[in-house]
Amino acid sequence: MTDKKPDKIVYKNQKKIHDLIIKNLKSNYLDNIKEAYIIGSLVNGNFGRYKKRFEGHFGSDIDLVVIPKKINNKWQFLGDFYNWHKKYNVGIIKINKITHPINLMIPFKNNMRTFFKKSKQLNWKMEKIK
């Protein structure tokens, strides 16, 4: 589906960046969201920038699994992925001039059980933020 991710330079101040991103997400992106969980590098402590461009950006993406109240027509639909969710790009957050895309993953039929099952199978860390 996608190219192999390039090597990443992990930001040293993970906690500070984590907290900054969570604050930004809550202030700007979660109004129309019923439930939200962060997964991926932001939760795993390896958020950073790639040594070369990956999927149009140099920065780690910010992955949120959500149940929306409604789909915002400004969200960019990226498609159906892995037989369990729809993916939307909803914006970016810049850190040190590096662009980090914000991706929402919406489980099919808004079924969070599918996400919880998948996260258990793959041993994903997650953090509930709403």
N, C-alpha and C. Protein backbone atom coordinates (compact mmCIF):
# COMPACT_ATOMS: atom_id res chain seq x y z
N MET A 1 0.81 -1.19 0.00
CA MET A 1 0.00 0.00 0.00
C MET A 1 0.86 1.25 0.00
N THR A 2 1.97 1.21 0.73
CA THR A 2 2.79 2.41 0.83
C THR A 2 4.25 2.00 0.87
N ASP A 3 5.11 2.97 0.59
CA ASP A 3 6.54 2.73 0.64
C ASP A 3 6.99 2.53 2.09
N LYS A 4 8.16 1.93 2.23
CA LYS A 4 8.74 1.75 3.56
C LYS A 4 9.07 3.12 4.13
N LYS A 5 8.77 3.29 5.41
CA LYS A 5 9.05 4.57 6.06
C LYS A 5 10.56 4.78 6.14
N PRO A 6 11.00 6.01 5.86
CA PRO A 6 12.43 6.30 6.00
C PRO A 6 12.83 6.36 7.47
N ASP A 7 14.12 6.40 7.72
CA ASP A 7 14.61 6.54 9.09
C ASP A 7 14.05 7.83 9.69
N LYS A 8 13.90 7.82 10.99
CA LYS A 8 13.29 8.95 11.69
C LYS A 8 14.25 9.49 12.75
N ILE A 9 14.26 10.80 12.87
CA ILE A 9 14.96 11.45 13.97
C ILE A 9 13.90 11.75 15.02
N VAL A 10 13.99 11.07 16.14
CA VAL A 10 12.98 11.20 17.20
C VAL A 10 13.26 12.47 18.00
N TYR A 11 12.20 13.27 18.20
CA TYR A 11 12.34 14.47 19.01
C TYR A 11 12.74 14.08 20.43
N LYS A 12 13.63 14.87 21.03
CA LYS A 12 14.11 14.57 22.37
C LYS A 12 13.08 14.88 23.45
N ASN A 13 12.27 15.87 23.25
CA ASN A 13 11.33 16.32 24.27
C ASN A 13 9.93 15.75 24.01
N GLN A 14 9.82 14.43 24.05
CA GLN A 14 8.57 13.73 23.73
C GLN A 14 7.39 14.18 24.59
N LYS A 15 7.57 14.30 25.89
CA LYS A 15 6.46 14.67 26.79
C LYS A 15 5.95 16.07 26.47
N LYS A 16 6.84 17.00 26.28
CA LYS A 16 6.46 18.39 25.96
C LYS A 16 5.70 18.45 24.63
N ILE A 17 6.21 17.76 23.62
CA ILE A 17 5.56 17.74 22.31
C ILE A 17 4.21 17.04 22.40
N HIS A 18 4.16 15.92 23.10
CA HIS A 18 2.91 15.19 23.30
C HIS A 18 1.85 16.12 23.89
N ASP A 19 2.20 16.81 24.97
CA ASP A 19 1.26 17.69 25.65
C ASP A 19 0.82 18.85 24.76
N LEU A 20 1.75 19.41 24.01
CA LEU A 20 1.44 20.50 23.07
C LEU A 20 0.45 20.04 22.00
N ILE A 21 0.68 18.86 21.45
CA ILE A 21 -0.19 18.33 20.40
C ILE A 21 -1.58 18.01 20.97
N ILE A 22 -1.64 17.40 22.13
CA ILE A 22 -2.94 17.08 22.74
C ILE A 22 -3.73 18.37 22.97
N LYS A 23 -3.08 19.39 23.49
CA LYS A 23 -3.75 20.68 23.72
C LYS A 23 -4.28 21.25 22.41
N ASN A 24 -3.47 21.20 21.36
CA ASN A 24 -3.88 21.70 20.04
C ASN A 24 -5.05 20.90 19.49
N LEU A 25 -4.99 19.59 19.59
CA LEU A 25 -6.08 18.74 19.10
C LEU A 25 -7.38 19.06 19.82
N LYS A 26 -7.32 19.14 21.15
CA LYS A 26 -8.53 19.41 21.93
C LYS A 26 -9.11 20.78 21.62
N SER A 27 -8.25 21.76 21.38
CA SER A 27 -8.72 23.13 21.11
C SER A 27 -9.26 23.31 19.69
N ASN A 28 -8.72 22.55 18.74
CA ASN A 28 -9.01 22.84 17.33
C ASN A 28 -9.66 21.73 16.53
N TYR A 29 -9.65 20.49 17.01
CA TYR A 29 -10.08 19.40 16.13
C TYR A 29 -11.12 18.45 16.71
N LEU A 30 -11.47 18.57 17.97
CA LEU A 30 -12.32 17.55 18.57
C LEU A 30 -13.75 17.99 18.88
N ASP A 31 -14.14 19.17 18.41
CA ASP A 31 -15.50 19.65 18.69
C ASP A 31 -16.58 18.69 18.21
N ASN A 32 -16.42 18.15 17.02
CA ASN A 32 -17.44 17.26 16.45
C ASN A 32 -17.10 15.78 16.63
N ILE A 33 -16.34 15.49 17.67
CA ILE A 33 -15.90 14.12 17.93
C ILE A 33 -16.51 13.64 19.25
N LYS A 34 -17.12 12.46 19.23
CA LYS A 34 -17.70 11.88 20.46
C LYS A 34 -16.63 11.21 21.31
N GLU A 35 -15.72 10.50 20.64
CA GLU A 35 -14.73 9.67 21.33
C GLU A 35 -13.46 9.69 20.50
N ALA A 36 -12.29 9.79 21.16
CA ALA A 36 -11.02 9.87 20.42
C ALA A 36 -9.88 9.20 21.18
N TYR A 37 -9.09 8.44 20.44
CA TYR A 37 -7.91 7.77 20.97
C TYR A 37 -6.72 8.08 20.07
N ILE A 38 -5.59 8.38 20.67
CA ILE A 38 -4.35 8.54 19.91
C ILE A 38 -3.64 7.20 19.90
N ILE A 39 -3.10 6.86 18.72
CA ILE A 39 -2.26 5.67 18.59
C ILE A 39 -1.00 6.08 17.84
N GLY A 40 -0.06 5.20 17.74
CA GLY A 40 1.12 5.45 16.93
C GLY A 40 2.26 6.12 17.67
N SER A 41 3.10 6.80 16.91
CA SER A 41 4.37 7.31 17.44
C SER A 41 4.21 8.32 18.57
N LEU A 42 3.14 9.09 18.56
CA LEU A 42 2.94 10.07 19.63
C LEU A 42 2.74 9.38 20.99
N VAL A 43 2.07 8.24 20.99
CA VAL A 43 1.85 7.47 22.23
C VAL A 43 3.05 6.59 22.55
N ASN A 44 3.72 6.12 21.51
CA ASN A 44 4.84 5.19 21.70
C ASN A 44 6.15 5.88 22.09
N GLY A 45 6.18 7.22 22.02
CA GLY A 45 7.39 7.95 22.40
C GLY A 45 8.45 8.02 21.34
N ASN A 46 8.05 7.81 20.07
CA ASN A 46 9.03 7.93 18.98
C ASN A 46 8.52 8.88 17.89
N PHE A 47 7.91 9.98 18.31
CA PHE A 47 7.40 11.00 17.41
C PHE A 47 8.58 11.86 16.95
N GLY A 48 8.62 12.17 15.65
CA GLY A 48 9.75 12.96 15.16
C GLY A 48 9.62 13.34 13.71
N ARG A 49 10.78 13.48 13.07
CA ARG A 49 10.80 13.84 11.65
C ARG A 49 11.62 12.81 10.87
N TYR A 50 11.14 12.57 9.67
CA TYR A 50 11.82 11.60 8.80
C TYR A 50 13.03 12.24 8.14
N LYS A 51 14.01 11.41 7.80
CA LYS A 51 15.21 11.92 7.15
C LYS A 51 14.95 12.33 5.70
N LYS A 52 13.84 11.79 5.14
CA LYS A 52 13.41 12.23 3.81
C LYS A 52 11.89 12.20 3.77
N ARG A 53 11.33 12.89 2.80
CA ARG A 53 9.88 13.03 2.69
C ARG A 53 9.21 11.66 2.62
N PHE A 54 8.10 11.54 3.37
CA PHE A 54 7.32 10.30 3.36
C PHE A 54 5.85 10.69 3.26
N GLU A 55 5.18 10.20 2.25
CA GLU A 55 3.76 10.48 2.01
C GLU A 55 3.47 11.97 2.04
N GLY A 56 4.38 12.75 1.47
CA GLY A 56 4.17 14.19 1.32
C GLY A 56 4.62 15.04 2.48
N HIS A 57 5.12 14.44 3.55
CA HIS A 57 5.53 15.20 4.74
C HIS A 57 6.85 14.68 5.27
N PHE A 58 7.51 15.52 6.05
CA PHE A 58 8.72 15.09 6.74
C PHE A 58 8.43 14.67 8.18
N GLY A 59 7.27 15.02 8.71
CA GLY A 59 6.97 14.75 10.10
C GLY A 59 6.11 13.51 10.30
N SER A 60 6.29 12.89 11.47
CA SER A 60 5.41 11.78 11.88
C SER A 60 3.97 12.24 11.78
N ASP A 61 3.09 11.32 11.42
CA ASP A 61 1.68 11.68 11.41
C ASP A 61 1.09 11.52 12.81
N ILE A 62 -0.01 12.20 13.02
CA ILE A 62 -0.74 12.16 14.29
C ILE A 62 -1.99 11.34 14.02
N ASP A 63 -2.03 10.13 14.56
CA ASP A 63 -3.10 9.18 14.29
C ASP A 63 -4.12 9.17 15.41
N LEU A 64 -5.38 9.44 15.04
CA LEU A 64 -6.48 9.41 16.00
C LEU A 64 -7.54 8.46 15.51
N VAL A 65 -7.98 7.57 16.37
CA VAL A 65 -9.14 6.72 16.08
C VAL A 65 -10.31 7.41 16.76
N VAL A 66 -11.35 7.74 15.96
CA VAL A 66 -12.44 8.57 16.48
C VAL A 66 -13.81 8.04 16.09
N ILE A 67 -14.78 8.49 16.87
CA ILE A 67 -16.19 8.38 16.49
C ILE A 67 -16.69 9.82 16.36
N PRO A 68 -16.97 10.23 15.13
CA PRO A 68 -17.40 11.62 14.94
C PRO A 68 -18.90 11.78 15.19
N LYS A 69 -19.29 12.98 15.56
CA LYS A 69 -20.71 13.33 15.64
C LYS A 69 -21.24 13.49 14.22
N LYS A 70 -20.39 14.03 13.35
CA LYS A 70 -20.70 14.15 11.92
C LYS A 70 -19.39 14.29 11.17
N ILE A 71 -19.42 14.00 9.88
CA ILE A 71 -18.25 14.15 9.03
C ILE A 71 -18.20 15.59 8.55
N ASN A 72 -17.09 16.25 8.80
CA ASN A 72 -16.90 17.63 8.36
C ASN A 72 -16.57 17.63 6.87
N ASN A 73 -17.24 18.47 6.10
CA ASN A 73 -16.98 18.49 4.66
C ASN A 73 -15.61 19.06 4.31
N LYS A 74 -14.88 19.60 5.29
CA LYS A 74 -13.53 20.10 5.05
C LYS A 74 -12.48 19.00 5.21
N TRP A 75 -12.88 17.88 5.81
CA TRP A 75 -11.94 16.78 5.97
C TRP A 75 -11.64 16.15 4.62
N GLN A 76 -10.39 15.82 4.37
CA GLN A 76 -9.99 15.18 3.12
C GLN A 76 -10.05 13.66 3.28
N PHE A 77 -10.98 13.04 2.55
CA PHE A 77 -11.14 11.58 2.60
C PHE A 77 -9.98 10.93 1.87
N LEU A 78 -9.28 10.02 2.54
CA LEU A 78 -8.13 9.34 1.97
C LEU A 78 -8.44 7.92 1.53
N GLY A 79 -9.59 7.39 1.97
CA GLY A 79 -9.98 6.06 1.55
C GLY A 79 -10.28 5.12 2.70
N ASP A 80 -10.61 3.88 2.32
CA ASP A 80 -10.84 2.81 3.28
C ASP A 80 -9.53 2.04 3.44
N PHE A 81 -9.21 1.68 4.69
CA PHE A 81 -7.93 1.05 4.96
C PHE A 81 -8.08 -0.20 5.83
N TYR A 82 -7.32 -1.22 5.50
CA TYR A 82 -7.14 -2.42 6.31
C TYR A 82 -8.45 -3.10 6.73
N ASN A 83 -9.47 -2.97 5.95
CA ASN A 83 -10.75 -3.63 6.21
C ASN A 83 -11.38 -3.27 7.55
N TRP A 84 -11.00 -2.11 8.14
CA TRP A 84 -11.63 -1.77 9.41
C TRP A 84 -11.91 -0.28 9.60
N HIS A 85 -11.31 0.60 8.76
CA HIS A 85 -11.57 2.02 8.99
C HIS A 85 -11.48 2.88 7.73
N LYS A 86 -12.16 4.03 7.82
CA LYS A 86 -12.03 5.09 6.83
C LYS A 86 -11.01 6.08 7.38
N LYS A 87 -10.25 6.71 6.47
CA LYS A 87 -9.21 7.62 6.92
C LYS A 87 -9.41 8.99 6.31
N TYR A 88 -9.26 10.01 7.14
CA TYR A 88 -9.40 11.40 6.72
C TYR A 88 -8.19 12.19 7.21
N ASN A 89 -7.69 13.09 6.36
CA ASN A 89 -6.71 14.07 6.80
C ASN A 89 -7.49 15.31 7.18
N VAL A 90 -7.26 15.82 8.39
CA VAL A 90 -8.06 16.95 8.87
C VAL A 90 -7.24 18.21 9.12
N GLY A 91 -5.94 18.13 8.94
CA GLY A 91 -5.11 19.31 9.14
C GLY A 91 -3.68 18.93 9.42
N ILE A 92 -2.94 19.91 9.90
CA ILE A 92 -1.53 19.71 10.23
C ILE A 92 -1.20 20.44 11.53
N ILE A 93 -0.15 19.98 12.15
CA ILE A 93 0.46 20.70 13.27
C ILE A 93 1.93 20.82 12.92
N LYS A 94 2.47 22.05 13.03
CA LYS A 94 3.88 22.27 12.74
C LYS A 94 4.67 22.33 14.03
N ILE A 95 5.80 21.63 14.01
CA ILE A 95 6.74 21.65 15.12
C ILE A 95 8.11 21.92 14.51
N ASN A 96 8.72 23.01 14.94
CA ASN A 96 10.03 23.40 14.40
C ASN A 96 10.03 23.42 12.88
N LYS A 97 8.98 23.98 12.30
CA LYS A 97 8.80 24.13 10.85
C LYS A 97 8.58 22.80 10.13
N ILE A 98 8.42 21.71 10.87
CA ILE A 98 8.15 20.41 10.28
C ILE A 98 6.65 20.15 10.34
N THR A 99 6.05 19.78 9.21
CA THR A 99 4.62 19.55 9.10
C THR A 99 4.28 18.12 9.52
N HIS A 100 3.33 18.02 10.46
CA HIS A 100 2.85 16.73 10.95
C HIS A 100 1.36 16.62 10.61
N PRO A 101 0.99 15.73 9.68
CA PRO A 101 -0.43 15.61 9.31
C PRO A 101 -1.26 14.96 10.41
N ILE A 102 -2.50 15.42 10.54
CA ILE A 102 -3.44 14.86 11.51
C ILE A 102 -4.40 13.96 10.74
N ASN A 103 -4.39 12.67 11.06
CA ASN A 103 -5.25 11.70 10.39
C ASN A 103 -6.26 11.12 11.37
N LEU A 104 -7.52 11.15 10.94
CA LEU A 104 -8.58 10.51 11.70
C LEU A 104 -8.90 9.17 11.08
N MET A 105 -8.98 8.15 11.90
CA MET A 105 -9.40 6.83 11.46
C MET A 105 -10.75 6.56 12.10
N ILE A 106 -11.74 6.34 11.26
CA ILE A 106 -13.10 6.12 11.74
C ILE A 106 -13.48 4.67 11.45
N PRO A 107 -13.63 3.87 12.50
CA PRO A 107 -13.99 2.46 12.28
C PRO A 107 -15.30 2.35 11.49
N PHE A 108 -15.34 1.37 10.59
CA PHE A 108 -16.57 1.12 9.83
C PHE A 108 -17.73 0.97 10.80
N LYS A 109 -18.85 1.53 10.44
CA LYS A 109 -20.08 1.50 11.23
C LYS A 109 -19.87 2.06 12.64
N ASN A 110 -18.85 2.92 12.79
CA ASN A 110 -18.53 3.52 14.09
C ASN A 110 -18.38 2.47 15.19
N ASN A 111 -17.85 1.31 14.81
CA ASN A 111 -17.73 0.18 15.72
C ASN A 111 -16.35 0.20 16.39
N MET A 112 -16.28 0.75 17.59
CA MET A 112 -15.01 0.81 18.30
C MET A 112 -14.52 -0.56 18.75
N ARG A 113 -15.42 -1.53 18.85
CA ARG A 113 -15.00 -2.89 19.23
C ARG A 113 -13.97 -3.42 18.23
N THR A 114 -14.16 -3.09 16.96
CA THR A 114 -13.22 -3.52 15.93
C THR A 114 -11.84 -2.93 16.20
N PHE A 115 -11.80 -1.65 16.54
CA PHE A 115 -10.53 -1.00 16.86
C PHE A 115 -9.88 -1.62 18.09
N PHE A 116 -10.67 -1.85 19.15
CA PHE A 116 -10.10 -2.44 20.36
C PHE A 116 -9.55 -3.84 20.10
N LYS A 117 -10.27 -4.61 19.29
CA LYS A 117 -9.80 -5.95 18.93
C LYS A 117 -8.50 -5.87 18.14
N LYS A 118 -8.46 -4.96 17.16
CA LYS A 118 -7.26 -4.78 16.33
C LYS A 118 -6.09 -4.32 17.20
N SER A 119 -6.32 -3.39 18.11
CA SER A 119 -5.24 -2.88 18.95
C SER A 119 -4.70 -3.97 19.87
N LYS A 120 -5.58 -4.85 20.34
CA LYS A 120 -5.13 -5.96 21.19
C LYS A 120 -4.30 -6.95 20.37
N GLN A 121 -4.78 -7.28 19.16
CA GLN A 121 -4.05 -8.21 18.28
C GLN A 121 -2.65 -7.70 17.97
N LEU A 122 -2.54 -6.41 17.70
CA LEU A 122 -1.27 -5.83 17.28
C LEU A 122 -0.48 -5.19 18.41
N ASN A 123 -1.00 -5.32 19.64
CA ASN A 123 -0.32 -4.80 20.82
C ASN A 123 -0.06 -3.29 20.71
N TRP A 124 -1.05 -2.56 20.22
CA TRP A 124 -0.92 -1.09 20.09
C TRP A 124 -1.13 -0.43 21.44
N LYS A 125 -0.35 0.58 21.68
CA LYS A 125 -0.63 1.47 22.80
C LYS A 125 -1.65 2.47 22.32
N MET A 126 -2.51 2.91 23.24
CA MET A 126 -3.49 3.92 22.89
C MET A 126 -3.70 4.82 24.08
N GLU A 127 -4.16 6.02 23.79
CA GLU A 127 -4.45 7.00 24.84
C GLU A 127 -5.76 7.67 24.52
N LYS A 128 -6.70 7.57 25.44
CA LYS A 128 -8.00 8.21 25.23
C LYS A 128 -7.86 9.70 25.54
N ILE A 129 -8.28 10.54 24.58
CA ILE A 129 -8.20 11.99 24.81
C ILE A 129 -9.58 12.64 24.81
N LYS A 130 -10.58 11.88 24.46
CA LYS A 130 -11.98 12.36 24.55
C LYS A 130 -12.91 11.19 24.60
